[in-house]
PDB file of all heavy atoms in Angstrom:
ATOM      1  N   LYS A   1     -41.355  22.965  38.209  1.00  0.00           N
ATOM      2  CA  LYS A   1     -41.299  24.430  38.352  1.00  0.00           C
ATOM      3  C   LYS A   1     -39.952  24.971  38.242  1.00  0.00           C
ATOM      4  O   LYS A   1     -39.702  26.079  37.634  1.00  0.00           O
ATOM      5  CB  LYS A   1     -41.952  24.813  39.725  1.00  0.00           C
ATOM      6  CG  LYS A   1     -43.456  24.566  39.811  1.00  0.00           C
ATOM      7  CD  LYS A   1     -43.995  25.039  41.120  1.00  0.00           C
ATOM      8  CE  LYS A   1     -45.485  24.853  41.208  1.00  0.00           C
ATOM      9  NZ  LYS A   1     -46.040  25.345  42.495  1.00  0.00           N
ATOM     10  N   ALA A   2     -38.965  24.322  38.869  1.00  0.00           N
ATOM     11  CA  ALA A   2     -37.584  24.807  38.834  1.00  0.00           C
ATOM     12  C   ALA A   2     -37.042  24.799  37.428  1.00  0.00           C
ATOM     13  O   ALA A   2     -36.383  25.765  36.984  1.00  0.00           O
ATOM     14  CB  ALA A   2     -36.711  23.950  39.719  1.00  0.00           C
ATOM     15  N   VAL A   3     -37.276  23.717  36.675  1.00  0.00           N
ATOM     16  CA  VAL A   3     -36.756  23.663  35.332  1.00  0.00           C
ATOM     17  C   VAL A   3     -37.446  24.699  34.442  1.00  0.00           C
ATOM     18  O   VAL A   3     -36.850  25.340  33.606  1.00  0.00           O
ATOM     19  CB  VAL A   3     -36.924  22.230  34.750  1.00  0.00           C
ATOM     20  CG1 VAL A   3     -36.557  22.234  33.258  1.00  0.00           C
ATOM     21  CG2 VAL A   3     -36.041  21.235  35.496  1.00  0.00           C
ATOM     22  N   ARG A   4     -38.747  24.852  34.623  1.00  0.00           N
ATOM     23  CA  ARG A   4     -39.520  25.867  33.870  1.00  0.00           C
ATOM     24  C   ARG A   4     -38.911  27.221  34.084  1.00  0.00           C
ATOM     25  O   ARG A   4     -38.726  28.034  33.170  1.00  0.00           O
ATOM     26  CB  ARG A   4     -40.976  25.832  34.260  1.00  0.00           C
ATOM     27  CG  ARG A   4     -41.915  26.677  33.377  1.00  0.00           C
ATOM     28  CD  ARG A   4     -43.330  26.403  33.673  1.00  0.00           C
ATOM     29  NE  ARG A   4     -44.220  27.139  32.850  1.00  0.00           N
ATOM     30  CZ  ARG A   4     -45.512  26.999  32.821  1.00  0.00           C
ATOM     31  NH1 ARG A   4     -46.105  26.137  33.612  1.00  0.00           N
ATOM     32  NH2 ARG A   4     -46.272  27.758  31.997  1.00  0.00           N
ATOM     33  N   TRP A   5     -38.591  27.551  35.334  1.00  0.00           N
ATOM     34  CA  TRP A   5     -37.951  28.830  35.628  1.00  0.00           C
ATOM     35  C   TRP A   5     -36.575  28.907  35.049  1.00  0.00           C
ATOM     36  O   TRP A   5     -36.237  29.916  34.409  1.00  0.00           O
ATOM     37  CB  TRP A   5     -37.901  28.988  37.164  1.00  0.00           C
ATOM     38  CG  TRP A   5     -36.964  30.121  37.586  1.00  0.00           C
ATOM     39  CD1 TRP A   5     -37.246  31.427  37.645  1.00  0.00           C
ATOM     40  CD2 TRP A   5     -35.576  29.968  37.967  1.00  0.00           C
ATOM     41  NE1 TRP A   5     -36.137  32.162  38.043  1.00  0.00           N
ATOM     42  CE2 TRP A   5     -35.082  31.299  38.243  1.00  0.00           C
ATOM     43  CE3 TRP A   5     -34.732  28.881  38.092  1.00  0.00           C
ATOM     44  CZ2 TRP A   5     -33.811  31.508  38.691  1.00  0.00           C
ATOM     45  CZ3 TRP A   5     -33.449  29.113  38.546  1.00  0.00           C
ATOM     46  CH2 TRP A   5     -32.977  30.405  38.795  1.00  0.00           C
ATOM     47  N   ALA A   6     -35.740  27.889  35.223  1.00  0.00           N
ATOM     48  CA  ALA A   6     -34.405  27.908  34.754  1.00  0.00           C
ATOM     49  C   ALA A   6     -34.316  28.110  33.231  1.00  0.00           C
ATOM     50  O   ALA A   6     -33.424  28.851  32.770  1.00  0.00           O
ATOM     51  CB  ALA A   6     -33.668  26.614  35.170  1.00  0.00           C
ATOM     52  N   VAL A   7     -35.161  27.439  32.488  1.00  0.00           N
ATOM     53  CA  VAL A   7     -35.174  27.557  31.021  1.00  0.00           C
ATOM     54  C   VAL A   7     -35.733  28.916  30.637  1.00  0.00           C
ATOM     55  O   VAL A   7     -35.140  29.590  29.716  1.00  0.00           O
ATOM     56  CB  VAL A   7     -36.001  26.423  30.400  1.00  0.00           C
ATOM     57  CG1 VAL A   7     -36.183  26.631  28.877  1.00  0.00           C
ATOM     58  CG2 VAL A   7     -35.319  25.081  30.654  1.00  0.00           C
ATOM     59  N   ALA A   8     -36.770  29.404  31.284  1.00  0.00           N
ATOM     60  CA  ALA A   8     -37.434  30.660  30.928  1.00  0.00           C
ATOM     61  C   ALA A   8     -36.462  31.838  31.069  1.00  0.00           C
ATOM     62  O   ALA A   8     -36.404  32.738  30.293  1.00  0.00           O
ATOM     63  CB  ALA A   8     -38.653  30.874  31.701  1.00  0.00           C
ATOM     64  N   VAL A   9     -35.641  31.863  32.192  1.00  0.00           N
ATOM     65  CA  VAL A   9     -34.780  32.960  32.424  1.00  0.00           C
ATOM     66  C   VAL A   9     -33.396  32.742  31.844  1.00  0.00           C
ATOM     67  O   VAL A   9     -32.484  33.628  31.960  1.00  0.00           O
ATOM     68  CB  VAL A   9     -34.686  33.231  33.941  1.00  0.00           C
ATOM     69  CG1 VAL A   9     -36.013  33.545  34.565  1.00  0.00           C
ATOM     70  CG2 VAL A   9     -33.998  32.072  34.705  1.00  0.00           C
ATOM     71  N   GLY A  10     -33.146  31.599  31.226  1.00  0.00           N
ATOM     72  CA  GLY A  10     -31.853  31.425  30.536  1.00  0.00           C
ATOM     73  C   GLY A  10     -30.759  30.810  31.387  1.00  0.00           C
ATOM     74  O   GLY A  10     -29.604  30.857  30.926  1.00  0.00           O
ATOM     75  N   VAL A  11     -31.075  30.319  32.541  1.00  0.00           N
ATOM     76  CA  VAL A  11     -30.049  29.762  33.399  1.00  0.00           C
ATOM     77  C   VAL A  11     -29.592  28.379  32.865  1.00  0.00           C
ATOM     78  O   VAL A  11     -28.405  28.071  32.828  1.00  0.00           O
ATOM     79  CB  VAL A  11     -30.576  29.574  34.808  1.00  0.00           C
ATOM     80  CG1 VAL A  11     -29.603  28.765  35.661  1.00  0.00           C
ATOM     81  CG2 VAL A  11     -30.807  30.904  35.484  1.00  0.00           C
ATOM     82  N   MET A  12     -30.529  27.613  32.307  1.00  0.00           N
ATOM     83  CA  MET A  12     -30.193  26.304  31.775  1.00  0.00           C
ATOM     84  C   MET A  12     -30.974  26.099  30.496  1.00  0.00           C
ATOM     85  O   MET A  12     -32.007  26.795  30.248  1.00  0.00           O
ATOM     86  CB  MET A  12     -30.547  25.182  32.809  1.00  0.00           C
ATOM     87  CG  MET A  12     -29.805  25.313  34.122  1.00  0.00           C
ATOM     88  SD  MET A  12     -30.343  24.102  35.369  1.00  0.00           S
ATOM     89  CE  MET A  12     -29.559  22.604  34.735  1.00  0.00           C
ATOM     90  N   THR A  13     -30.568  25.175  29.679  1.00  0.00           N
ATOM     91  CA  THR A  13     -31.261  24.802  28.457  1.00  0.00           C
ATOM     92  C   THR A  13     -31.334  23.262  28.403  1.00  0.00           C
ATOM     93  O   THR A  13     -30.646  22.577  29.132  1.00  0.00           O
ATOM     94  CB  THR A  13     -30.692  25.323  27.202  1.00  0.00           C
ATOM     95  OG1 THR A  13     -29.405  24.668  26.962  1.00  0.00           O
ATOM     96  CG2 THR A  13     -30.475  26.860  27.229  1.00  0.00           C
ATOM     97  N   GLY A  14     -32.155  22.812  27.463  1.00  0.00           N
ATOM     98  CA  GLY A  14     -32.102  21.332  27.232  1.00  0.00           C
ATOM     99  C   GLY A  14     -31.175  20.957  26.102  1.00  0.00           C
ATOM    100  O   GLY A  14     -30.344  21.801  25.675  1.00  0.00           O
ATOM    101  N   TYR A  15     -31.246  19.765  25.680  1.00  0.00           N
ATOM    102  CA  TYR A  15     -30.441  19.240  24.619  1.00  0.00           C
ATOM    103  C   TYR A  15     -31.201  19.393  23.295  1.00  0.00           C
ATOM    104  O   TYR A  15     -32.411  19.555  23.264  1.00  0.00           O
ATOM    105  CB  TYR A  15     -30.049  17.798  24.840  1.00  0.00           C
ATOM    106  CG  TYR A  15     -28.992  17.599  25.931  1.00  0.00           C
ATOM    107  CD1 TYR A  15     -29.384  17.594  27.260  1.00  0.00           C
ATOM    108  CD2 TYR A  15     -27.692  17.544  25.646  1.00  0.00           C
ATOM    109  CE1 TYR A  15     -28.420  17.457  28.274  1.00  0.00           C
ATOM    110  CE2 TYR A  15     -26.699  17.390  26.644  1.00  0.00           C
ATOM    111  CZ  TYR A  15     -27.102  17.340  27.963  1.00  0.00           C
ATOM    112  OH  TYR A  15     -26.231  17.203  28.919  1.00  0.00           O
ATOM    113  N   ARG A  16     -30.445  19.237  22.192  1.00  0.00           N
ATOM    114  CA  ARG A  16     -31.085  19.406  20.860  1.00  0.00           C
ATOM    115  C   ARG A  16     -32.077  18.352  20.559  1.00  0.00           C
ATOM    116  O   ARG A  16     -32.895  18.549  19.675  1.00  0.00           O
ATOM    117  CB  ARG A  16     -29.951  19.394  19.813  1.00  0.00           C
ATOM    118  CG  ARG A  16     -29.064  20.589  19.872  1.00  0.00           C
ATOM    119  CD  ARG A  16     -27.862  20.468  19.030  1.00  0.00           C
ATOM    120  NE  ARG A  16     -26.885  21.569  19.246  1.00  0.00           N
ATOM    121  CZ  ARG A  16     -25.631  21.611  18.872  1.00  0.00           C
ATOM    122  NH1 ARG A  16     -25.147  20.510  18.246  1.00  0.00           N
ATOM    123  NH2 ARG A  16     -24.898  22.612  19.128  1.00  0.00           N
ATOM    124  N   ASP A  17     -32.070  17.250  21.227  1.00  0.00           N
ATOM    125  CA  ASP A  17     -33.126  16.236  21.017  1.00  0.00           C
ATOM    126  C   ASP A  17     -34.375  16.440  21.858  1.00  0.00           C
ATOM    127  O   ASP A  17     -35.238  15.583  21.853  1.00  0.00           O
ATOM    128  CB  ASP A  17     -32.526  14.820  21.272  1.00  0.00           C
ATOM    129  CG  ASP A  17     -32.075  14.611  22.725  1.00  0.00           C
ATOM    130  OD1 ASP A  17     -32.202  15.572  23.544  1.00  0.00           O
ATOM    131  OD2 ASP A  17     -31.544  13.549  23.032  1.00  0.00           O
ATOM    132  N   GLY A  18     -34.445  17.573  22.526  1.00  0.00           N
ATOM    133  CA  GLY A  18     -35.645  17.902  23.303  1.00  0.00           C
ATOM    134  C   GLY A  18     -35.681  17.318  24.744  1.00  0.00           C
ATOM    135  O   GLY A  18     -36.700  17.439  25.410  1.00  0.00           O
ATOM    136  N   THR A  19     -34.544  16.781  25.164  1.00  0.00           N
ATOM    137  CA  THR A  19     -34.489  16.272  26.531  1.00  0.00           C
ATOM    138  C   THR A  19     -33.763  17.205  27.416  1.00  0.00           C
ATOM    139  O   THR A  19     -32.973  18.098  26.988  1.00  0.00           O
ATOM    140  CB  THR A  19     -33.754  14.901  26.542  1.00  0.00           C
ATOM    141  OG1 THR A  19     -32.397  15.069  26.040  1.00  0.00           O
ATOM    142  CG2 THR A  19     -34.401  13.886  25.621  1.00  0.00           C
ATOM    143  N   PHE A  20     -34.020  17.031  28.716  1.00  0.00           N
ATOM    144  CA  PHE A  20     -33.295  17.793  29.739  1.00  0.00           C
ATOM    145  C   PHE A  20     -32.218  16.953  30.461  1.00  0.00           C
ATOM    146  O   PHE A  20     -31.275  17.452  30.962  1.00  0.00           O
ATOM    147  CB  PHE A  20     -34.259  18.283  30.810  1.00  0.00           C
ATOM    148  CG  PHE A  20     -33.645  19.204  31.839  1.00  0.00           C
ATOM    149  CD1 PHE A  20     -33.178  20.427  31.520  1.00  0.00           C
ATOM    150  CD2 PHE A  20     -33.532  18.731  33.134  1.00  0.00           C
ATOM    151  CE1 PHE A  20     -32.634  21.288  32.476  1.00  0.00           C
ATOM    152  CE2 PHE A  20     -32.984  19.547  34.140  1.00  0.00           C
ATOM    153  CZ  PHE A  20     -32.505  20.822  33.757  1.00  0.00           C
ATOM    154  N   ARG A  21     -32.406  15.600  30.391  1.00  0.00           N
ATOM    155  CA  ARG A  21     -31.492  14.707  31.047  1.00  0.00           C
ATOM    156  C   ARG A  21     -31.298  15.015  32.546  1.00  0.00           C
ATOM    157  O   ARG A  21     -30.223  15.360  33.018  1.00  0.00           O
ATOM    158  CB  ARG A  21     -30.165  14.641  30.285  1.00  0.00           C
ATOM    159  CG  ARG A  21     -30.331  14.332  28.819  1.00  0.00           C
ATOM    160  CD  ARG A  21     -29.020  14.181  28.064  1.00  0.00           C
ATOM    161  NE  ARG A  21     -29.269  14.131  26.634  1.00  0.00           N
ATOM    162  CZ  ARG A  21     -28.329  14.070  25.706  1.00  0.00           C
ATOM    163  NH1 ARG A  21     -27.042  13.973  26.051  1.00  0.00           N
ATOM    164  NH2 ARG A  21     -28.625  14.112  24.426  1.00  0.00           N
ATOM    165  N   PRO A  22     -32.412  14.942  33.262  1.00  0.00           N
ATOM    166  CA  PRO A  22     -32.447  15.465  34.614  1.00  0.00           C
ATOM    167  C   PRO A  22     -31.512  14.783  35.568  1.00  0.00           C
ATOM    168  O   PRO A  22     -31.120  15.407  36.583  1.00  0.00           O
ATOM    169  CB  PRO A  22     -33.882  15.202  35.055  1.00  0.00           C
ATOM    170  CG  PRO A  22     -34.409  14.094  34.180  1.00  0.00           C
ATOM    171  CD  PRO A  22     -33.705  14.308  32.863  1.00  0.00           C
ATOM    172  N   TYR A  23     -31.118  13.600  35.328  1.00  0.00           N
ATOM    173  CA  TYR A  23     -30.260  12.886  36.327  1.00  0.00           C
ATOM    174  C   TYR A  23     -28.835  12.804  35.854  1.00  0.00           C
ATOM    175  O   TYR A  23     -28.043  12.117  36.535  1.00  0.00           O
ATOM    176  CB  TYR A  23     -30.826  11.442  36.616  1.00  0.00           C
ATOM    177  CG  TYR A  23     -32.148  11.517  37.342  1.00  0.00           C
ATOM    178  CD1 TYR A  23     -33.317  11.202  36.641  1.00  0.00           C
ATOM    179  CD2 TYR A  23     -32.266  11.963  38.652  1.00  0.00           C
ATOM    180  CE1 TYR A  23     -34.549  11.270  37.285  1.00  0.00           C
ATOM    181  CE2 TYR A  23     -33.455  12.019  39.288  1.00  0.00           C
ATOM    182  CZ  TYR A  23     -34.639  11.674  38.619  1.00  0.00           C
ATOM    183  OH  TYR A  23     -35.836  11.792  39.218  1.00  0.00           O
ATOM    184  N   GLU A  24     -28.467  13.527  34.885  1.00  0.00           N
ATOM    185  CA  GLU A  24     -27.060  13.664  34.488  1.00  0.00           C
ATOM    186  C   GLU A  24     -26.319  14.466  35.541  1.00  0.00           C
ATOM    187  O   GLU A  24     -26.809  15.450  36.031  1.00  0.00           O
ATOM    188  CB  GLU A  24     -26.912  14.338  33.128  1.00  0.00           C
ATOM    189  CG  GLU A  24     -26.227  13.518  32.136  1.00  0.00           C
ATOM    190  CD  GLU A  24     -26.170  14.145  30.776  1.00  0.00           C
ATOM    191  OE1 GLU A  24     -26.118  15.480  30.702  1.00  0.00           O
ATOM    192  OE2 GLU A  24     -26.258  13.457  29.764  1.00  0.00           O
ATOM    193  N   PRO A  25     -25.114  14.075  35.937  1.00  0.00           N
ATOM    194  CA  PRO A  25     -24.372  14.834  36.984  1.00  0.00           C
ATOM    195  C   PRO A  25     -23.915  16.166  36.380  1.00  0.00           C
ATOM    196  O   PRO A  25     -23.623  16.262  35.209  1.00  0.00           O
ATOM    197  CB  PRO A  25     -23.173  13.939  37.301  1.00  0.00           C
ATOM    198  CG  PRO A  25     -22.978  13.084  36.058  1.00  0.00           C
ATOM    199  CD  PRO A  25     -24.358  12.846  35.503  1.00  0.00           C
TER     200      PRO A  25
END
């Protein structure tokens, strides 16, 4: 839910390969 919100409102994006890399610092 948090990532869905963050991406939808433009706070965060993923990488060009379609990943979010959730555990990256």
